[in-house]
PDB file of all heavy atoms in Angstrom:
ATOM      1  N   ILE A   1     -25.215 -26.629  31.052  1.00  0.00           N
ATOM      2  CA  ILE A   1     -26.425 -25.871  30.712  1.00  0.00           C
ATOM      3  C   ILE A   1     -26.232 -24.396  31.070  1.00  0.00           C
ATOM      4  O   ILE A   1     -26.608 -23.505  30.310  1.00  0.00           O
ATOM      5  CB  ILE A   1     -27.674 -26.447  31.418  1.00  0.00           C
ATOM      6  CG1 ILE A   1     -27.912 -27.917  31.015  1.00  0.00           C
ATOM      7  CG2 ILE A   1     -28.900 -25.591  31.129  1.00  0.00           C
ATOM      8  CD1 ILE A   1     -28.159 -28.188  29.552  1.00  0.00           C
ATOM      9  N   GLN A   2     -25.594 -24.132  32.210  1.00  0.00           N
ATOM     10  CA  GLN A   2     -25.337 -22.744  32.621  1.00  0.00           C
ATOM     11  C   GLN A   2     -24.418 -22.036  31.625  1.00  0.00           C
ATOM     12  O   GLN A   2     -24.621 -20.869  31.305  1.00  0.00           O
ATOM     13  CB  GLN A   2     -24.736 -22.690  34.024  1.00  0.00           C
ATOM     14  CG  GLN A   2     -24.589 -21.268  34.559  1.00  0.00           C
ATOM     15  CD  GLN A   2     -25.924 -20.533  34.647  1.00  0.00           C
ATOM     16  OE1 GLN A   2     -26.875 -21.025  35.245  1.00  0.00           O
ATOM     17  NE2 GLN A   2     -26.010 -19.354  34.024  1.00  0.00           N
ATOM     18  N   TYR A   3     -23.410 -22.740  31.131  1.00  0.00           N
ATOM     19  CA  TYR A   3     -22.510 -22.155  30.126  1.00  0.00           C
ATOM     20  C   TYR A   3     -23.312 -21.723  28.895  1.00  0.00           C
ATOM     21  O   TYR A   3     -23.129 -20.612  28.376  1.00  0.00           O
ATOM     22  CB  TYR A   3     -21.411 -23.147  29.726  1.00  0.00           C
ATOM     23  CG  TYR A   3     -20.607 -22.666  28.541  1.00  0.00           C
ATOM     24  CD1 TYR A   3     -19.593 -21.719  28.703  1.00  0.00           C
ATOM     25  CD2 TYR A   3     -20.872 -23.121  27.255  1.00  0.00           C
ATOM     26  CE1 TYR A   3     -18.871 -21.253  27.620  1.00  0.00           C
ATOM     27  CE2 TYR A   3     -20.152 -22.660  26.170  1.00  0.00           C
ATOM     28  CZ  TYR A   3     -19.160 -21.724  26.352  1.00  0.00           C
ATOM     29  OH  TYR A   3     -18.449 -21.259  25.265  1.00  0.00           O
ATOM     30  N   TYR A   4     -24.195 -22.598  28.425  1.00  0.00           N
ATOM     31  CA  TYR A   4     -24.996 -22.257  27.241  1.00  0.00           C
ATOM     32  C   TYR A   4     -25.979 -21.124  27.546  1.00  0.00           C
ATOM     33  O   TYR A   4     -26.245 -20.287  26.684  1.00  0.00           O
ATOM     34  CB  TYR A   4     -25.685 -23.500  26.658  1.00  0.00           C
ATOM     35  CG  TYR A   4     -24.720 -24.274  25.791  1.00  0.00           C
ATOM     36  CD1 TYR A   4     -23.880 -25.236  26.339  1.00  0.00           C
ATOM     37  CD2 TYR A   4     -24.602 -24.006  24.437  1.00  0.00           C
ATOM     38  CE1 TYR A   4     -22.954 -25.911  25.557  1.00  0.00           C
ATOM     39  CE2 TYR A   4     -23.683 -24.672  23.647  1.00  0.00           C
ATOM     40  CZ  TYR A   4     -22.856 -25.623  24.215  1.00  0.00           C
ATOM     41  OH  TYR A   4     -21.936 -26.278  23.442  1.00  0.00           O
ATOM     42  N   SER A   5     -26.481 -21.060  28.762  1.00  0.00           N
ATOM     43  CA  SER A   5     -27.325 -19.921  29.172  1.00  0.00           C
ATOM     44  C   SER A   5     -26.516 -18.629  29.139  1.00  0.00           C
ATOM     45  O   SER A   5     -26.990 -17.600  28.649  1.00  0.00           O
ATOM     46  CB  SER A   5     -27.886 -20.137  30.580  1.00  0.00           C
ATOM     47  OG  SER A   5     -28.776 -21.214  30.606  1.00  0.00           O
ATOM     48  N   ASP A   6     -25.295 -18.696  29.668  1.00  0.00           N
ATOM     49  CA  ASP A   6     -24.427 -17.521  29.673  1.00  0.00           C
ATOM     50  C   ASP A   6     -24.083 -17.091  28.250  1.00  0.00           C
ATOM     51  O   ASP A   6     -24.100 -15.892  27.928  1.00  0.00           O
ATOM     52  CB  ASP A   6     -23.135 -17.802  30.452  1.00  0.00           C
ATOM     53  CG  ASP A   6     -23.383 -18.033  31.941  1.00  0.00           C
ATOM     54  OD1 ASP A   6     -24.489 -17.711  32.440  1.00  0.00           O
ATOM     55  OD2 ASP A   6     -22.461 -18.564  32.602  1.00  0.00           O
ATOM     56  N   MET A   7     -23.770 -18.042  27.393  1.00  0.00           N
ATOM     57  CA  MET A   7     -23.449 -17.719  25.991  1.00  0.00           C
ATOM     58  C   MET A   7     -24.661 -17.098  25.294  1.00  0.00           C
ATOM     59  O   MET A   7     -24.530 -16.147  24.529  1.00  0.00           O
ATOM     60  CB  MET A   7     -23.005 -18.971  25.229  1.00  0.00           C
ATOM     61  CG  MET A   7     -21.603 -19.426  25.541  1.00  0.00           C
ATOM     62  SD  MET A   7     -20.334 -18.258  24.961  1.00  0.00           S
ATOM     63  CE  MET A   7     -19.896 -17.465  26.484  1.00  0.00           C
ATOM     64  N   LEU A   8     -25.836 -17.637  25.575  1.00  0.00           N
ATOM     65  CA  LEU A   8     -27.058 -17.099  24.980  1.00  0.00           C
ATOM     66  C   LEU A   8     -27.260 -15.645  25.397  1.00  0.00           C
ATOM     67  O   LEU A   8     -27.595 -14.794  24.567  1.00  0.00           O
ATOM     68  CB  LEU A   8     -28.263 -17.952  25.385  1.00  0.00           C
ATOM     69  CG  LEU A   8     -29.607 -17.539  24.809  1.00  0.00           C
ATOM     70  CD1 LEU A   8     -29.592 -17.573  23.284  1.00  0.00           C
ATOM     71  CD2 LEU A   8     -30.698 -18.455  25.353  1.00  0.00           C
ATOM     72  N   ASN A   9     -27.024 -15.349  26.654  1.00  0.00           N
ATOM     73  CA  ASN A   9     -27.146 -13.982  27.136  1.00  0.00           C
ATOM     74  C   ASN A   9     -26.153 -13.065  26.418  1.00  0.00           C
ATOM     75  O   ASN A   9     -26.500 -11.943  26.028  1.00  0.00           O
ATOM     76  CB  ASN A   9     -26.933 -13.927  28.648  1.00  0.00           C
ATOM     77  CG  ASN A   9     -27.185 -12.538  29.197  1.00  0.00           C
ATOM     78  OD1 ASN A   9     -28.231 -11.930  28.939  1.00  0.00           O
ATOM     79  ND2 ASN A   9     -26.231 -12.022  29.943  1.00  0.00           N
ATOM     80  N   ILE A  10     -24.930 -13.543  26.222  1.00  0.00           N
ATOM     81  CA  ILE A  10     -23.925 -12.757  25.503  1.00  0.00           C
ATOM     82  C   ILE A  10     -24.355 -12.541  24.053  1.00  0.00           C
ATOM     83  O   ILE A  10     -24.245 -11.430  23.527  1.00  0.00           O
ATOM     84  CB  ILE A  10     -22.538 -13.442  25.603  1.00  0.00           C
ATOM     85  CG1 ILE A  10     -22.033 -13.358  27.052  1.00  0.00           C
ATOM     86  CG2 ILE A  10     -21.537 -12.811  24.636  1.00  0.00           C
ATOM     87  CD1 ILE A  10     -20.825 -14.238  27.343  1.00  0.00           C
ATOM     88  N   VAL A  11     -24.830 -13.588  23.405  1.00  0.00           N
ATOM     89  CA  VAL A  11     -25.306 -13.473  22.019  1.00  0.00           C
ATOM     90  C   VAL A  11     -26.388 -12.401  21.917  1.00  0.00           C
ATOM     91  O   VAL A  11     -26.377 -11.575  21.012  1.00  0.00           O
ATOM     92  CB  VAL A  11     -25.847 -14.833  21.500  1.00  0.00           C
ATOM     93  CG1 VAL A  11     -26.643 -14.674  20.218  1.00  0.00           C
ATOM     94  CG2 VAL A  11     -24.699 -15.814  21.292  1.00  0.00           C
ATOM     95  N   LYS A  12     -27.279 -12.418  22.887  1.00  0.00           N
ATOM     96  CA  LYS A  12     -28.400 -11.472  22.858  1.00  0.00           C
ATOM     97  C   LYS A  12     -27.990 -10.045  23.169  1.00  0.00           C
ATOM     98  O   LYS A  12     -28.564  -9.111  22.608  1.00  0.00           O
ATOM     99  CB  LYS A  12     -29.471 -11.902  23.878  1.00  0.00           C
ATOM    100  CG  LYS A  12     -30.229 -13.143  23.486  1.00  0.00           C
ATOM    101  CD  LYS A  12     -31.223 -13.486  24.595  1.00  0.00           C
ATOM    102  CE  LYS A  12     -32.053 -14.707  24.279  1.00  0.00           C
ATOM    103  NZ  LYS A  12     -33.007 -15.005  25.371  1.00  0.00           N
ATOM    104  N   THR A  13     -27.030  -9.845  24.064  1.00  0.00           N
ATOM    105  CA  THR A  13     -26.806  -8.499  24.594  1.00  0.00           C
ATOM    106  C   THR A  13     -25.432  -7.887  24.360  1.00  0.00           C
ATOM    107  O   THR A  13     -25.288  -6.669  24.484  1.00  0.00           O
ATOM    108  CB  THR A  13     -27.056  -8.489  26.118  1.00  0.00           C
ATOM    109  OG1 THR A  13     -26.107  -9.357  26.755  1.00  0.00           O
ATOM    110  CG2 THR A  13     -28.476  -8.939  26.454  1.00  0.00           C
ATOM    111  N   ALA A  14     -24.408  -8.680  24.059  1.00  0.00           N
ATOM    112  CA  ALA A  14     -23.043  -8.151  24.006  1.00  0.00           C
ATOM    113  C   ALA A  14     -22.767  -7.358  22.733  1.00  0.00           C
ATOM    114  O   ALA A  14     -23.087  -7.807  21.631  1.00  0.00           O
ATOM    115  CB  ALA A  14     -22.034  -9.288  24.146  1.00  0.00           C
ATOM    116  N   ASP A  15     -22.136  -6.205  22.923  1.00  0.00           N
ATOM    117  CA  ASP A  15     -21.713  -5.408  21.773  1.00  0.00           C
ATOM    118  C   ASP A  15     -20.327  -5.888  21.324  1.00  0.00           C
ATOM    119  O   ASP A  15     -19.736  -6.792  21.926  1.00  0.00           O
ATOM    120  CB  ASP A  15     -21.701  -3.920  22.122  1.00  0.00           C
ATOM    121  CG  ASP A  15     -20.749  -3.575  23.267  1.00  0.00           C
ATOM    122  OD1 ASP A  15     -19.886  -4.402  23.630  1.00  0.00           O
ATOM    123  OD2 ASP A  15     -20.877  -2.462  23.797  1.00  0.00           O
ATOM    124  N   SER A  16     -19.802  -5.277  20.276  1.00  0.00           N
ATOM    125  CA  SER A  16     -18.538  -5.729  19.691  1.00  0.00           C
ATOM    126  C   SER A  16     -17.380  -5.644  20.687  1.00  0.00           C
ATOM    127  O   SER A  16     -16.526  -6.531  20.716  1.00  0.00           O
ATOM    128  CB  SER A  16     -18.209  -4.938  18.429  1.00  0.00           C
ATOM    129  OG  SER A  16     -18.124  -3.555  18.713  1.00  0.00           O
ATOM    130  N   ALA A  17     -17.345  -4.594  21.506  1.00  0.00           N
ATOM    131  CA  ALA A  17     -16.257  -4.453  22.482  1.00  0.00           C
ATOM    132  C   ALA A  17     -16.290  -5.596  23.498  1.00  0.00           C
ATOM    133  O   ALA A  17     -15.247  -6.136  23.873  1.00  0.00           O
ATOM    134  CB  ALA A  17     -16.345  -3.113  23.196  1.00  0.00           C
ATOM    135  N   SER A  18     -17.475  -5.985  23.932  1.00  0.00           N
ATOM    136  CA  SER A  18     -17.612  -7.089  24.885  1.00  0.00           C
ATOM    137  C   SER A  18     -17.230  -8.419  24.240  1.00  0.00           C
ATOM    138  O   SER A  18     -16.558  -9.245  24.866  1.00  0.00           O
ATOM    139  CB  SER A  18     -19.044  -7.172  25.408  1.00  0.00           C
ATOM    140  OG  SER A  18     -19.388  -5.984  26.080  1.00  0.00           O
ATOM    141  N   VAL A  19     -17.651  -8.631  23.000  1.00  0.00           N
ATOM    142  CA  VAL A  19     -17.333  -9.879  22.302  1.00  0.00           C
ATOM    143  C   VAL A  19     -15.823  -9.984  22.089  1.00  0.00           C
ATOM    144  O   VAL A  19     -15.234 -11.051  22.262  1.00  0.00           O
ATOM    145  CB  VAL A  19     -18.092  -9.975  20.956  1.00  0.00           C
ATOM    146  CG1 VAL A  19     -17.621 -11.172  20.142  1.00  0.00           C
ATOM    147  CG2 VAL A  19     -19.596 -10.056  21.203  1.00  0.00           C
ATOM    148  N   GLU A  20     -15.195  -8.881  21.749  1.00  0.00           N
ATOM    149  CA  GLU A  20     -13.748  -8.877  21.486  1.00  0.00           C
ATOM    150  C   GLU A  20     -12.949  -9.338  22.704  1.00  0.00           C
ATOM    151  O   GLU A  20     -11.879  -9.927  22.566  1.00  0.00           O
ATOM    152  CB  GLU A  20     -13.302  -7.484  21.055  1.00  0.00           C
ATOM    153  CG  GLU A  20     -11.876  -7.417  20.561  1.00  0.00           C
ATOM    154  CD  GLU A  20     -11.598  -8.282  19.339  1.00  0.00           C
ATOM    155  OE1 GLU A  20     -12.297  -8.141  18.323  1.00  0.00           O
ATOM    156  OE2 GLU A  20     -10.677  -9.116  19.408  1.00  0.00           O
ATOM    157  N   LYS A  21     -13.469  -9.133  23.906  1.00  0.00           N
ATOM    158  CA  LYS A  21     -12.764  -9.501  25.141  1.00  0.00           C
ATOM    159  C   LYS A  21     -12.903 -10.987  25.500  1.00  0.00           C
ATOM    160  O   LYS A  21     -12.221 -11.466  26.400  1.00  0.00           O
ATOM    161  CB  LYS A  21     -13.301  -8.664  26.310  1.00  0.00           C
ATOM    162  CG  LYS A  21     -12.974  -7.196  26.196  1.00  0.00           C
ATOM    163  CD  LYS A  21     -13.620  -6.432  27.336  1.00  0.00           C
ATOM    164  CE  LYS A  21     -13.501  -4.933  27.124  1.00  0.00           C
ATOM    165  NZ  LYS A  21     -14.338  -4.186  28.065  1.00  0.00           N
ATOM    166  N   LEU A  22     -13.766 -11.709  24.825  1.00  0.00           N
ATOM    167  CA  LEU A  22     -14.002 -13.121  25.141  1.00  0.00           C
ATOM    168  C   LEU A  22     -12.811 -13.987  24.740  1.00  0.00           C
ATOM    169  O   LEU A  22     -12.017 -13.611  23.875  1.00  0.00           O
ATOM    170  CB  LEU A  22     -15.253 -13.619  24.410  1.00  0.00           C
ATOM    171  CG  LEU A  22     -16.582 -12.964  24.766  1.00  0.00           C
ATOM    172  CD1 LEU A  22     -17.674 -13.456  23.821  1.00  0.00           C
ATOM    173  CD2 LEU A  22     -16.959 -13.233  26.208  1.00  0.00           C
ATOM    174  N   SER A  23     -12.736 -15.180  25.328  1.00  0.00           N
ATOM    175  CA  SER A  23     -11.731 -16.160  24.886  1.00  0.00           C
ATOM    176  C   SER A  23     -12.048 -16.521  23.433  1.00  0.00           C
ATOM    177  O   SER A  23     -13.181 -16.348  22.975  1.00  0.00           O
ATOM    178  CB  SER A  23     -11.792 -17.423  25.756  1.00  0.00           C
ATOM    179  OG  SER A  23     -12.939 -18.192  25.427  1.00  0.00           O
ATOM    180  N   ILE A  24     -11.065 -17.035  22.725  1.00  0.00           N
ATOM    181  CA  ILE A  24     -11.259 -17.370  21.316  1.00  0.00           C
ATOM    182  C   ILE A  24     -12.409 -18.365  21.131  1.00  0.00           C
ATOM    183  O   ILE A  24     -13.192 -18.252  20.201  1.00  0.00           O
ATOM    184  CB  ILE A  24      -9.947 -17.876  20.668  1.00  0.00           C
ATOM    185  CG1 ILE A  24     -10.130 -18.048  19.149  1.00  0.00           C
ATOM    186  CG2 ILE A  24      -9.453 -19.144  21.332  1.00  0.00           C
ATOM    187  CD1 ILE A  24      -8.831 -18.309  18.409  1.00  0.00           C
ATOM    188  N   MET A  25     -12.534 -19.320  22.029  1.00  0.00           N
ATOM    189  CA  MET A  25     -13.599 -20.307  21.904  1.00  0.00           C
ATOM    190  C   MET A  25     -14.978 -19.686  22.136  1.00  0.00           C
ATOM    191  O   MET A  25     -15.917 -19.951  21.396  1.00  0.00           O
ATOM    192  CB  MET A  25     -13.377 -21.459  22.877  1.00  0.00           C
ATOM    193  CG  MET A  25     -14.294 -22.626  22.604  1.00  0.00           C
ATOM    194  SD  MET A  25     -13.948 -23.969  23.700  1.00  0.00           S
ATOM    195  CE  MET A  25     -15.549 -24.151  24.427  1.00  0.00           C
ATOM    196  N   ASP A  26     -15.095 -18.857  23.178  1.00  0.00           N
ATOM    197  CA  ASP A  26     -16.374 -18.209  23.444  1.00  0.00           C
ATOM    198  C   ASP A  26     -16.744 -17.240  22.313  1.00  0.00           C
ATOM    199  O   ASP A  26     -17.907 -17.136  21.930  1.00  0.00           O
ATOM    200  CB  ASP A  26     -16.339 -17.467  24.778  1.00  0.00           C
ATOM    201  CG  ASP A  26     -16.308 -18.413  25.974  1.00  0.00           C
ATOM    202  OD1 ASP A  26     -16.491 -19.635  25.784  1.00  0.00           O
ATOM    203  OD2 ASP A  26     -16.097 -17.932  27.105  1.00  0.00           O
ATOM    204  N   LYS A  27     -15.745 -16.549  21.797  1.00  0.00           N
ATOM    205  CA  LYS A  27     -15.984 -15.620  20.690  1.00  0.00           C
ATOM    206  C   LYS A  27     -16.514 -16.394  19.476  1.00  0.00           C
ATOM    207  O   LYS A  27     -17.473 -15.978  18.837  1.00  0.00           O
ATOM    208  CB  LYS A  27     -14.684 -14.897  20.339  1.00  0.00           C
ATOM    209  CG  LYS A  27     -14.872 -13.722  19.416  1.00  0.00           C
ATOM    210  CD  LYS A  27     -13.556 -13.115  18.936  1.00  0.00           C
ATOM    211  CE  LYS A  27     -12.688 -12.585  20.031  1.00  0.00           C
ATOM    212  NZ  LYS A  27     -11.491 -11.900  19.478  1.00  0.00           N
ATOM    213  N   PHE A  28     -15.878 -17.530  19.188  1.00  0.00           N
ATOM    214  CA  PHE A  28     -16.339 -18.343  18.061  1.00  0.00           C
ATOM    215  C   PHE A  28     -17.770 -18.819  18.295  1.00  0.00           C
ATOM    216  O   PHE A  28     -18.585 -18.824  17.375  1.00  0.00           O
ATOM    217  CB  PHE A  28     -15.404 -19.536  17.814  1.00  0.00           C
ATOM    218  CG  PHE A  28     -15.798 -20.336  16.603  1.00  0.00           C
ATOM    219  CD1 PHE A  28     -15.640 -19.811  15.334  1.00  0.00           C
ATOM    220  CD2 PHE A  28     -16.355 -21.594  16.739  1.00  0.00           C
ATOM    221  CE1 PHE A  28     -16.025 -20.532  14.207  1.00  0.00           C
ATOM    222  CE2 PHE A  28     -16.744 -22.321  15.629  1.00  0.00           C
ATOM    223  CZ  PHE A  28     -16.576 -21.788  14.357  1.00  0.00           C
ATOM    224  N   MET A  29     -18.079 -19.198  19.524  1.00  0.00           N
ATOM    225  CA  MET A  29     -19.433 -19.638  19.858  1.00  0.00           C
ATOM    226  C   MET A  29     -20.438 -18.517  19.575  1.00  0.00           C
ATOM    227  O   MET A  29     -21.467 -18.740  18.936  1.00  0.00           O
ATOM    228  CB  MET A  29     -19.498 -20.057  21.325  1.00  0.00           C
ATOM    229  CG  MET A  29     -20.881 -20.430  21.810  1.00  0.00           C
ATOM    230  SD  MET A  29     -21.423 -22.051  21.302  1.00  0.00           S
ATOM    231  CE  MET A  29     -20.451 -23.064  22.378  1.00  0.00           C
ATOM    232  N   VAL A  30     -20.141 -17.304  20.035  1.00  0.00           N
ATOM    233  CA  VAL A  30     -21.036 -16.161  19.809  1.00  0.00           C
ATOM    234  C   VAL A  30     -21.187 -15.904  18.315  1.00  0.00           C
ATOM    235  O   VAL A  30     -22.301 -15.740  17.798  1.00  0.00           O
ATOM    236  CB  VAL A  30     -20.526 -14.902  20.546  1.00  0.00           C
ATOM    237  CG1 VAL A  30     -21.292 -13.661  20.122  1.00  0.00           C
ATOM    238  CG2 VAL A  30     -20.626 -15.105  22.056  1.00  0.00           C
ATOM    239  N   PHE A  31     -20.068 -15.867  17.596  1.00  0.00           N
ATOM    240  CA  PHE A  31     -20.117 -15.627  16.148  1.00  0.00           C
ATOM    241  C   PHE A  31     -20.927 -16.714  15.438  1.00  0.00           C
ATOM    242  O   PHE A  31     -21.748 -16.422  14.566  1.00  0.00           O
ATOM    243  CB  PHE A  31     -18.705 -15.601  15.554  1.00  0.00           C
ATOM    244  CG  PHE A  31     -17.900 -14.377  15.871  1.00  0.00           C
ATOM    245  CD1 PHE A  31     -16.518 -14.410  15.756  1.00  0.00           C
ATOM    246  CD2 PHE A  31     -18.497 -13.187  16.270  1.00  0.00           C
ATOM    247  CE1 PHE A  31     -15.748 -13.287  16.027  1.00  0.00           C
ATOM    248  CE2 PHE A  31     -17.738 -12.055  16.553  1.00  0.00           C
ATOM    249  CZ  PHE A  31     -16.359 -12.109  16.421  1.00  0.00           C
TER     250      PHE A  31
END
């Protein structure tokens, strides 16, 4: 649940530079 909370926060607030730094799986999740 915490992972999905963290991903939700990234979806809401992360800009392209922050998303680019994520692991491939997390990046796919955000996209």
